[in-house]
PDB file of N, CA and C in Angstrom:
ATOM      1  N   MET A   1     -48.436 151.943  90.003  1.00  0.00           N
ATOM      2  CA  MET A   1     -47.479 150.960  89.825  1.00  0.00           C
ATOM      3  C   MET A   1     -48.980 149.658  89.890  1.00  0.00           C
ATOM      4  N   GLY A   2     -48.985 148.649  89.272  1.00  0.00           N
ATOM      5  CA  GLY A   2     -50.297 147.621  89.539  1.00  0.00           C
ATOM      6  C   GLY A   2     -49.671 146.805  90.422  1.00  0.00           C
ATOM      7  N   ARG A   3     -50.469 145.484  89.374  1.00  0.00           N
ATOM      8  CA  ARG A   3     -50.005 144.342  91.043  1.00  0.00           C
ATOM      9  C   ARG A   3     -48.084 143.643  91.235  1.00  0.00           C
ATOM     10  N   ILE A   4     -47.840 144.046  91.474  1.00  0.00           N
ATOM     11  CA  ILE A   4     -46.409 143.862  92.362  1.00  0.00           C
ATOM     12  C   ILE A   4     -46.085 142.168  92.512  1.00  0.00           C
ATOM     13  N   ASP A   5     -46.673 141.321  93.544  1.00  0.00           N
ATOM     14  CA  ASP A   5     -46.299 140.390  93.680  1.00  0.00           C
ATOM     15  C   ASP A   5     -45.792 139.673  94.191  1.00  0.00           C
ATOM     16  N   GLU A   6     -44.177 139.859  95.225  1.00  0.00           N
ATOM     17  CA  GLU A   6     -43.002 139.934  95.042  1.00  0.00           C
ATOM     18  C   GLU A   6     -42.939 139.252  96.826  1.00  0.00           C
ATOM     19  N   ALA A   7     -42.188 138.652  97.427  1.00  0.00           N
ATOM     20  CA  ALA A   7     -41.533 138.159  98.686  1.00  0.00           C
ATOM     21  C   ALA A   7     -41.188 139.425  98.618  1.00  0.00           C
ATOM     22  N   VAL A   8     -41.221 139.422 100.295  1.00  0.00           N
ATOM     23  CA  VAL A   8     -40.588 140.095 100.944  1.00  0.00           C
ATOM     24  C   VAL A   8     -39.629 139.999 102.344  1.00  0.00           C
ATOM     25  N   ALA A   9     -39.741 140.338 102.988  1.00  0.00           N
ATOM     26  CA  ALA A   9     -38.574 140.212 104.607  1.00  0.00           C
ATOM     27  C   ALA A   9     -39.614 141.188 105.133  1.00  0.00           C
ATOM     28  N   VAL A  10     -40.201 140.853 106.313  1.00  0.00           N
ATOM     29  CA  VAL A  10     -41.094 141.571 107.093  1.00  0.00           C
ATOM     30  C   VAL A  10     -40.825 141.614 108.861  1.00  0.00           C
ATOM     31  N   LEU A  11     -40.773 142.728 109.530  1.00  0.00           N
ATOM     32  CA  LEU A  11     -40.666 143.155 111.183  1.00  0.00           C
ATOM     33  C   LEU A  11     -42.098 143.656 111.062  1.00  0.00           C
ATOM     34  N   VAL A  12     -42.293 142.489 112.563  1.00  0.00           N
ATOM     35  CA  VAL A  12     -44.061 142.824 112.977  1.00  0.00           C
ATOM     36  C   VAL A  12     -43.958 143.532 114.047  1.00  0.00           C
ATOM     37  N   ASP A  13     -44.959 143.905 114.890  1.00  0.00           N
ATOM     38  CA  ASP A  13     -44.792 144.296 116.272  1.00  0.00           C
ATOM     39  C   ASP A  13     -45.422 142.845 117.635  1.00  0.00           C
ATOM     40  N   GLN A  14     -45.789 143.454 118.433  1.00  0.00           N
ATOM     41  CA  GLN A  14     -46.157 142.317 119.413  1.00  0.00           C
ATOM     42  C   GLN A  14     -47.691 141.662 118.748  1.00  0.00           C
ATOM     43  N   GLU A  15     -48.378 143.246 117.791  1.00  0.00           N
ATOM     44  CA  GLU A  15     -49.777 141.983 117.742  1.00  0.00           C
ATOM     45  C   GLU A  15     -49.988 142.032 116.215  1.00  0.00           C
ATOM     46  N   GLY A  16     -48.433 141.594 115.849  1.00  0.00           N
ATOM     47  CA  GLY A  16     -48.299 140.866 114.063  1.00  0.00           C
ATOM     48  C   GLY A  16     -48.206 142.182 113.304  1.00  0.00           C
ATOM     49  N   ALA A  17     -48.783 143.520 113.065  1.00  0.00           N
ATOM     50  CA  ALA A  17     -48.827 144.678 112.732  1.00  0.00           C
ATOM     51  C   ALA A  17     -47.221 145.090 112.081  1.00  0.00           C
ATOM     52  N   PRO A  18     -47.805 144.981 110.517  1.00  0.00           N
ATOM     53  CA  PRO A  18     -46.082 145.353 110.080  1.00  0.00           C
ATOM     54  C   PRO A  18     -45.336 146.942 110.676  1.00  0.00           C
ATOM     55  N   THR A  19     -43.760 146.782 110.914  1.00  0.00           N
ATOM     56  CA  THR A  19     -43.630 148.031 111.593  1.00  0.00           C
ATOM     57  C   THR A  19     -42.363 148.037 110.299  1.00  0.00           C
ATOM     58  N   LEU A  20     -41.790 146.853 109.463  1.00  0.00           N
ATOM     59  CA  LEU A  20     -40.211 147.453 108.383  1.00  0.00           C
ATOM     60  C   LEU A  20     -40.277 146.317 107.698  1.00  0.00           C
ATOM     61  N   PHE A  21     -40.482 146.523 106.549  1.00  0.00           N
ATOM     62  CA  PHE A  21     -39.976 145.363 105.206  1.00  0.00           C
ATOM     63  C   PHE A  21     -39.241 145.660 104.014  1.00  0.00           C
ATOM     64  N   ARG A  22     -38.424 144.564 104.101  1.00  0.00           N
ATOM     65  CA  ARG A  22     -37.308 144.736 102.833  1.00  0.00           C
ATOM     66  C   ARG A  22     -37.802 144.255 101.201  1.00  0.00           C
ATOM     67  N   TRP A  23     -38.233 145.088 100.461  1.00  0.00           N
ATOM     68  CA  TRP A  23     -38.112 144.979  98.879  1.00  0.00           C
ATOM     69  C   TRP A  23     -37.322 145.461  98.015  1.00  0.00           C
ATOM     70  N   ARG A  24     -36.664 144.594  97.229  1.00  0.00           N
ATOM     71  CA  ARG A  24     -35.846 144.695  96.220  1.00  0.00           C
ATOM     72  C   ARG A  24     -34.252 145.826  97.228  1.00  0.00           C
ATOM     73  N   GLU A  25     -33.559 145.342  98.596  1.00  0.00           N
ATOM     74  CA  GLU A  25     -33.120 145.624  98.489  1.00  0.00           C
ATOM     75  C   GLU A  25     -32.876 146.656  99.328  1.00  0.00           C
ATOM     76  N   LYS A  26     -34.471 146.922  99.610  1.00  0.00           N
ATOM     77  CA  LYS A  26     -33.831 148.817  99.851  1.00  0.00           C
ATOM     78  C   LYS A  26     -34.858 148.199 101.506  1.00  0.00           C
ATOM     79  N   ASP A  27     -34.748 148.644 102.469  1.00  0.00           N
ATOM     80  CA  ASP A  27     -35.930 148.497 103.710  1.00  0.00           C
ATOM     81  C   ASP A  27     -37.010 149.625 103.770  1.00  0.00           C
ATOM     82  N   TYR A  28     -38.069 149.506 103.362  1.00  0.00           N
ATOM     83  CA  TYR A  28     -39.521 150.928 104.172  1.00  0.00           C
ATOM     84  C   TYR A  28     -39.782 150.700 105.198  1.00  0.00           C
ATOM     85  N   GLN A  29     -39.574 151.690 105.770  1.00  0.00           N
ATOM     86  CA  GLN A  29     -39.999 151.534 107.036  1.00  0.00           C
ATOM     87  C   GLN A  29     -41.999 152.189 107.713  1.00  0.00           C
ATOM     88  N   VAL A  30     -42.363 151.301 108.263  1.00  0.00           N
ATOM     89  CA  VAL A  30     -44.399 151.435 107.958  1.00  0.00           C
ATOM     90  C   VAL A  30     -43.993 153.416 108.862  1.00  0.00           C
ATOM     91  N   SER A  31     -44.725 154.002 108.120  1.00  0.00           N
ATOM     92  CA  SER A  31     -44.945 155.384 108.530  1.00  0.00           C
ATOM     93  C   SER A  31     -46.320 155.640 108.843  1.00  0.00           C
ATOM     94  N   SER A  32     -47.735 154.880 109.180  1.00  0.00           N
ATOM     95  CA  SER A  32     -49.061 155.206 109.204  1.00  0.00           C
ATOM     96  C   SER A  32     -49.223 154.252 110.055  1.00  0.00           C
ATOM     97  N   ARG A  33     -50.357 153.956 110.449  1.00  0.00           N
ATOM     98  CA  ARG A  33     -50.983 152.631 111.159  1.00  0.00           C
ATOM     99  C   ARG A  33     -51.120 151.723 110.010  1.00  0.00           C
ATOM    100  N   PRO A  34     -50.845 150.408 110.261  1.00  0.00           N
ATOM    101  CA  PRO A  34     -52.031 149.690 109.416  1.00  0.00           C
ATOM    102  C   PRO A  34     -52.718 149.459 109.094  1.00  0.00           C
ATOM    103  N   VAL A  35     -53.321 149.195 108.007  1.00  0.00           N
ATOM    104  CA  VAL A  35     -54.880 148.863 108.563  1.00  0.00           C
ATOM    105  C   VAL A  35     -55.036 146.916 108.050  1.00  0.00           C
ATOM    106  N   ARG A  36     -55.901 146.159 108.986  1.00  0.00           N
ATOM    107  CA  ARG A  36     -55.603 145.348 108.341  1.00  0.00           C
ATOM    108  C   ARG A  36     -57.403 144.584 107.819  1.00  0.00           C
ATOM    109  N   TRP A  37     -57.152 143.367 107.052  1.00  0.00           N
ATOM    110  CA  TRP A  37     -58.550 143.488 107.001  1.00  0.00           C
ATOM    111  C   TRP A  37     -57.914 141.584 106.097  1.00  0.00           C
ATOM    112  N   PHE A  38     -59.203 141.143 106.055  1.00  0.00           N
ATOM    113  CA  PHE A  38     -59.161 139.106 105.928  1.00  0.00           C
ATOM    114  C   PHE A  38     -60.165 139.418 104.009  1.00  0.00           C
ATOM    115  N   ALA A  39     -58.742 138.369 103.151  1.00  0.00           N
ATOM    116  CA  ALA A  39     -59.604 138.564 101.916  1.00  0.00           C
ATOM    117  C   ALA A  39     -59.701 137.581 101.676  1.00  0.00           C
ATOM    118  N   ARG A  40     -60.036 136.403 100.507  1.00  0.00           N
ATOM    119  CA  ARG A  40     -59.800 135.418  99.607  1.00  0.00           C
ATOM    120  C   ARG A  40     -58.835 134.652  99.413  1.00  0.00           C
ATOM    121  N   ALA A  41     -58.141 134.071  99.996  1.00  0.00           N
ATOM    122  CA  ALA A  41     -57.061 133.001  99.166  1.00  0.00           C
ATOM    123  C   ALA A  41     -57.220 132.987  98.088  1.00  0.00           C
ATOM    124  N   GLU A  42     -56.185 133.052  96.944  1.00  0.00           N
ATOM    125  CA  GLU A  42     -56.458 132.970  96.029  1.00  0.00           C
ATOM    126  C   GLU A  42     -55.814 131.436  95.942  1.00  0.00           C
ATOM    127  N   TRP A  43     -57.209 130.450  95.447  1.00  0.00           N
ATOM    128  CA  TRP A  43     -56.491 128.952  96.051  1.00  0.00           C
ATOM    129  C   TRP A  43     -56.439 128.628  94.158  1.00  0.00           C
ATOM    130  N   TRP A  44     -56.824 129.134  93.424  1.00  0.00           N
ATOM    131  CA  TRP A  44     -56.779 128.870  92.359  1.00  0.00           C
ATOM    132  C   TRP A  44     -55.039 128.772  91.548  1.00  0.00           C
ATOM    133  N   VAL A  45     -54.697 129.183  92.560  1.00  0.00           N
ATOM    134  CA  VAL A  45     -52.922 129.913  92.032  1.00  0.00           C
ATOM    135  C   VAL A  45     -51.936 128.593  92.916  1.00  0.00           C
ATOM    136  N   GLY A  46     -51.230 128.406  91.431  1.00  0.00           N
ATOM    137  CA  GLY A  46     -50.340 127.062  92.299  1.00  0.00           C
ATOM    138  C   GLY A  46     -50.579 125.758  91.905  1.00  0.00           C
ATOM    139  N   GLU A  47     -50.194 124.833  92.385  1.00  0.00           N
ATOM    140  CA  GLU A  47     -49.893 123.410  92.085  1.00  0.00           C
ATOM    141  C   GLU A  47     -50.763 122.918  92.777  1.00  0.00           C
ATOM    142  N   ARG A  48     -51.171 123.458  94.020  1.00  0.00           N
ATOM    143  CA  ARG A  48     -52.528 122.595  94.341  1.00  0.00           C
ATOM    144  C   ARG A  48     -52.694 123.951  96.017  1.00  0.00           C
ATOM    145  N   ALA A  49     -54.211 123.219  95.526  1.00  0.00           N
ATOM    146  CA  ALA A  49     -54.788 124.396  97.348  1.00  0.00           C
ATOM    147  C   ALA A  49     -54.337 123.508  98.406  1.00  0.00           C
ATOM    148  N   HIS A  50     -54.051 124.270  99.381  1.00  0.00           N
ATOM    149  CA  HIS A  50     -53.539 123.971 100.508  1.00  0.00           C
ATOM    150  C   HIS A  50     -55.023 123.236 100.990  1.00  0.00           C
ATOM    151  N   ARG A  51     -54.597 122.938 102.457  1.00  0.00           N
ATOM    152  CA  ARG A  51     -55.129 121.709 102.741  1.00  0.00           C
ATOM    153  C   ARG A  51     -55.472 122.129 104.071  1.00  0.00           C
ATOM    154  N   GLY A  52     -56.429 121.966 104.633  1.00  0.00           N
ATOM    155  CA  GLY A  52     -56.692 122.478 106.115  1.00  0.00           C
ATOM    156  C   GLY A  52     -58.318 123.172 106.478  1.00  0.00           C
ATOM    157  N   ILE A  53     -58.989 123.231 107.817  1.00  0.00           N
ATOM    158  CA  ILE A  53     -60.067 123.536 107.686  1.00  0.00           C
ATOM    159  C   ILE A  53     -59.895 124.207 108.553  1.00  0.00           C
ATOM    160  N   GLY A  54     -61.314 125.288 108.411  1.00  0.00           N
ATOM    161  CA  GLY A  54     -60.910 127.223 109.712  1.00  0.00           C
ATOM    162  C   GLY A  54     -60.942 128.224 107.658  1.00  0.00           C
ATOM    163  N   SER A  55     -60.691 129.113 108.393  1.00  0.00           N
ATOM    164  CA  SER A  55     -60.875 129.916 107.884  1.00  0.00           C
ATOM    165  C   SER A  55     -58.896 130.430 106.918  1.00  0.00           C
ATOM    166  N   GLY A  56     -58.024 129.491 108.324  1.00  0.00           N
ATOM    167  CA  GLY A  56     -57.108 129.680 107.847  1.00  0.00           C
ATOM    168  C   GLY A  56     -56.567 128.992 106.596  1.00  0.00           C
ATOM    169  N   ALA A  57     -57.462 128.038 106.158  1.00  0.00           N
ATOM    170  CA  ALA A  57     -57.430 127.177 104.738  1.00  0.00           C
ATOM    171  C   ALA A  57     -57.578 127.726 103.028  1.00  0.00           C
ATOM    172  N   VAL A  58     -59.106 128.945 103.137  1.00  0.00           N
ATOM    173  CA  VAL A  58     -59.187 129.783 102.546  1.00  0.00           C
ATOM    174  C   VAL A  58     -59.009 131.955 102.531  1.00  0.00           C
ATOM    175  N   GLU A  59     -58.737 132.275 103.668  1.00  0.00           N
ATOM    176  CA  GLU A  59     -58.471 133.781 103.866  1.00  0.00           C
ATOM    177  C   GLU A  59     -56.771 133.781 104.197  1.00  0.00           C
ATOM    178  N   VAL A  60     -56.557 135.139 103.513  1.00  0.00           N
ATOM    179  CA  VAL A  60     -55.103 135.790 103.814  1.00  0.00           C
ATOM    180  C   VAL A  60     -55.121 137.054 104.860  1.00  0.00           C
ATOM    181  N   GLU A  61     -54.743 137.672 105.435  1.00  0.00           N
ATOM    182  CA  GLU A  61     -54.361 138.366 105.916  1.00  0.00           C
ATOM    183  C   GLU A  61     -53.742 139.540 105.191  1.00  0.00           C
ATOM    184  N   MET A  62     -53.904 140.811 105.114  1.00  0.00           N
ATOM    185  CA  MET A  62     -54.209 141.936 104.376  1.00  0.00           C
ATOM    186  C   MET A  62     -53.863 143.133 104.662  1.00  0.00           C
ATOM    187  N   TRP A  63     -52.495 143.751 104.717  1.00  0.00           N
ATOM    188  CA  TRP A  63     -51.848 144.715 105.291  1.00  0.00           C
ATOM    189  C   TRP A  63     -52.356 145.864 104.008  1.00  0.00           C
ATOM    190  N   ARG A  64     -52.905 147.311 105.028  1.00  0.00           N
ATOM    191  CA  ARG A  64     -52.259 148.108 104.151  1.00  0.00           C
ATOM    192  C   ARG A  64     -51.959 149.362 105.113  1.00  0.00           C
ATOM    193  N   PHE A  65     -50.544 150.295 104.155  1.00  0.00           N
ATOM    194  CA  PHE A  65     -50.153 151.214 105.370  1.00  0.00           C
ATOM    195  C   PHE A  65     -49.447 152.465 104.681  1.00  0.00           C
ATOM    196  N   LEU A  66     -48.856 153.635 105.533  1.00  0.00           N
ATOM    197  CA  LEU A  66     -47.640 154.583 104.470  1.00  0.00           C
ATOM    198  C   LEU A  66     -46.704 153.550 104.929  1.00  0.00           C
ATOM    199  N   ALA A  67     -44.782 153.818 103.969  1.00  0.00           N
ATOM    200  CA  ALA A  67     -43.986 153.985 104.386  1.00  0.00           C
ATOM    201  C   ALA A  67     -43.192 154.717 103.482  1.00  0.00           C
ATOM    202  N   THR A  68     -42.042 154.645 104.105  1.00  0.00           N
ATOM    203  CA  THR A  68     -41.540 155.462 103.303  1.00  0.00           C
ATOM    204  C   THR A  68     -39.398 154.917 103.930  1.00  0.00           C
ATOM    205  N   GLY A  69     -39.012 154.893 102.530  1.00  0.00           N
ATOM    206  CA  GLY A  69     -37.705 154.113 102.475  1.00  0.00           C
ATOM    207  C   GLY A  69     -37.130 154.885 100.746  1.00  0.00           C
ATOM    208  N   ASP A  70     -37.171 155.021 101.012  1.00  0.00           N
ATOM    209  CA  ASP A  70     -36.701 155.525  99.024  1.00  0.00           C
ATOM    210  C   ASP A  70     -36.353 156.933  98.889  1.00  0.00           C
ATOM    211  N   GLY A  71     -36.858 157.984 100.466  1.00  0.00           N
ATOM    212  CA  GLY A  71     -37.255 159.010 100.018  1.00  0.00           C
ATOM    213  C   GLY A  71     -38.725 159.207  99.243  1.00  0.00           C
ATOM    214  N   THR A  72     -39.897 158.814  99.761  1.00  0.00           N
ATOM    215  CA  THR A  72     -40.917 159.215  99.218  1.00  0.00           C
ATOM    216  C   THR A  72     -41.936 158.593 100.292  1.00  0.00           C
ATOM    217  N   LYS A  73     -42.805 158.760 100.662  1.00  0.00           N
ATOM    218  CA  LYS A  73     -43.589 158.466 101.425  1.00  0.00           C
ATOM    219  C   LYS A  73     -45.043 158.109 100.898  1.00  0.00           C
ATOM    220  N   CYS A  74     -45.530 156.569 100.805  1.00  0.00           N
ATOM    221  CA  CYS A  74     -45.956 155.556  99.603  1.00  0.00           C
ATOM    222  C   CYS A  74     -47.209 154.467 100.440  1.00  0.00           C
ATOM    223  N   PRO A  75     -48.644 154.469  99.908  1.00  0.00           N
ATOM    224  CA  PRO A  75     -49.102 153.937 100.746  1.00  0.00           C
ATOM    225  C   PRO A  75     -48.676 152.348 100.056  1.00  0.00           C
ATOM    226  N   PHE A  76     -48.136 151.207 100.427  1.00  0.00           N
ATOM    227  CA  PHE A  76     -48.142 149.997 100.349  1.00  0.00           C
ATOM    228  C   PHE A  76     -49.099 148.771 100.117  1.00  0.00           C
ATOM    229  N   GLU A  77     -49.555 147.924 100.231  1.00  0.00           N
ATOM    230  CA  GLU A  77     -49.716 146.707 100.370  1.00  0.00           C
ATOM    231  C   GLU A  77     -49.577 145.190 100.284  1.00  0.00           C
ATOM    232  N   LEU A  78     -49.295 144.851 101.200  1.00  0.00           N
ATOM    233  CA  LEU A  78     -48.751 143.600 101.908  1.00  0.00           C
ATOM    234  C   LEU A  78     -50.315 142.507 102.196  1.00  0.00           C
ATOM    235  N   LEU A  79     -49.347 140.977 101.848  1.00  0.00           N
ATOM    236  CA  LEU A  79     -50.578 139.843 102.066  1.00  0.00           C
ATOM    237  C   LEU A  79     -49.224 138.557 103.110  1.00  0.00           C
ATOM    238  N   HIS A  80     -50.309 138.746 103.882  1.00  0.00           N
ATOM    239  CA  HIS A  80     -49.738 137.629 105.202  1.00  0.00           C
ATOM    240  C   HIS A  80     -50.199 136.503 104.665  1.00  0.00           C
ATOM    241  N   ASN A  81     -49.631 135.028 104.489  1.00  0.00           N
ATOM    242  CA  ASN A  81     -50.219 134.237 104.437  1.00  0.00           C
ATOM    243  C   ASN A  81     -49.578 133.223 105.378  1.00  0.00           C
ATOM    244  N   THR A  82     -50.714 133.141 106.889  1.00  0.00           N
ATOM    245  CA  THR A  82     -50.185 133.074 108.202  1.00  0.00           C
ATOM    246  C   THR A  82     -50.057 131.385 108.448  1.00  0.00           C
ATOM    247  N   ALA A  83     -50.671 130.716 107.442  1.00  0.00           N
ATOM    248  CA  ALA A  83     -49.742 129.407 107.612  1.00  0.00           C
ATOM    249  C   ALA A  83     -49.048 128.697 107.153  1.00  0.00           C
ATOM    250  N   ALA A  84     -47.947 129.907 105.900  1.00  0.00           N
ATOM    251  CA  ALA A  84     -47.231 129.831 105.630  1.00  0.00           C
ATOM    252  C   ALA A  84     -46.159 130.093 106.243  1.00  0.00           C
ATOM    253  N   ASN A  85     -46.886 131.725 106.439  1.00  0.00           N
ATOM    254  CA  ASN A  85     -46.255 132.619 107.526  1.00  0.00           C
ATOM    255  C   ASN A  85     -44.923 133.336 106.567  1.00  0.00           C
ATOM    256  N   SER A  86     -45.781 133.816 104.829  1.00  0.00           N
ATOM    257  CA  SER A  86     -44.652 133.761 104.486  1.00  0.00           C
ATOM    258  C   SER A  86     -45.816 135.299 103.839  1.00  0.00           C
ATOM    259  N   TRP A  87     -44.596 136.217 103.792  1.00  0.00           N
ATOM    260  CA  TRP A  87     -45.403 137.866 103.051  1.00  0.00           C
ATOM    261  C   TRP A  87     -45.447 138.177 101.394  1.00  0.00           C
ATOM    262  N   LYS A  88     -45.815 138.712 100.769  1.00  0.00           N
ATOM    263  CA  LYS A  88     -45.946 139.786  99.437  1.00  0.00           C
ATOM    264  C   LYS A  88     -46.304 140.981  99.751  1.00  0.00           C
ATOM    265  N   LEU A  89     -45.523 141.559  98.820  1.00  0.00           N
ATOM    266  CA  LEU A  89     -45.934 143.035  98.273  1.00  0.00           C
ATOM    267  C   LEU A  89     -47.212 142.860  97.871  1.00  0.00           C
ATOM    268  N   LEU A  90     -47.982 143.278  97.654  1.00  0.00           N
ATOM    269  CA  LEU A  90     -49.056 142.957  96.423  1.00  0.00           C
ATOM    270  C   LEU A  90     -48.911 144.659  95.696  1.00  0.00           C
ATOM    271  N   ARG A  91     -48.885 145.849  95.800  1.00  0.00           N
ATOM    272  CA  ARG A  91     -48.733 146.696  95.144  1.00  0.00           C
ATOM    273  C   ARG A  91     -48.463 148.114  96.203  1.00  0.00           C
ATOM    274  N   ARG A  92     -48.081 149.090  95.473  1.00  0.00           N
ATOM    275  CA  ARG A  92     -47.379 150.204  95.817  1.00  0.00           C
ATOM    276  C   ARG A  92     -47.792 151.056  94.615  1.00  0.00           C
ATOM    277  N   PHE A  93     -48.712 151.637  95.934  1.00  0.00           N
ATOM    278  CA  PHE A  93     -49.920 152.852  95.113  1.00  0.00           C
ATOM    279  C   PHE A  93     -48.704 154.288  94.578  1.00  0.00           C
ATOM    280  N   GLU A  94     -49.073 154.839  93.552  1.00  0.00           N
ATOM    281  CA  GLU A  94     -48.187 155.978  93.686  1.00  0.00           C
ATOM    282  C   GLU A  94     -48.778 157.605  93.965  1.00  0.00           C
TER     283      GLU A  94
END
């Protein structure tokens, strides 16, 4: 599957790593250790760029992990915008 780019609700552990997310009315349980990295925010997308100073203005937190929810285990990739505290499902790999 290509890029999904849909908002999801996410539960995290004490370190902020995803443990469960809800997508299209289904719950997906994270079943592997999530890998975190940072990527540049798509500042050109949207009505205007976020104001701010520092890495939070231009970087977003990315997470990749295996999750089970619809009877299969698949890799997923989530984006966490820490400034807005919002989550998006970017990709589901088949």
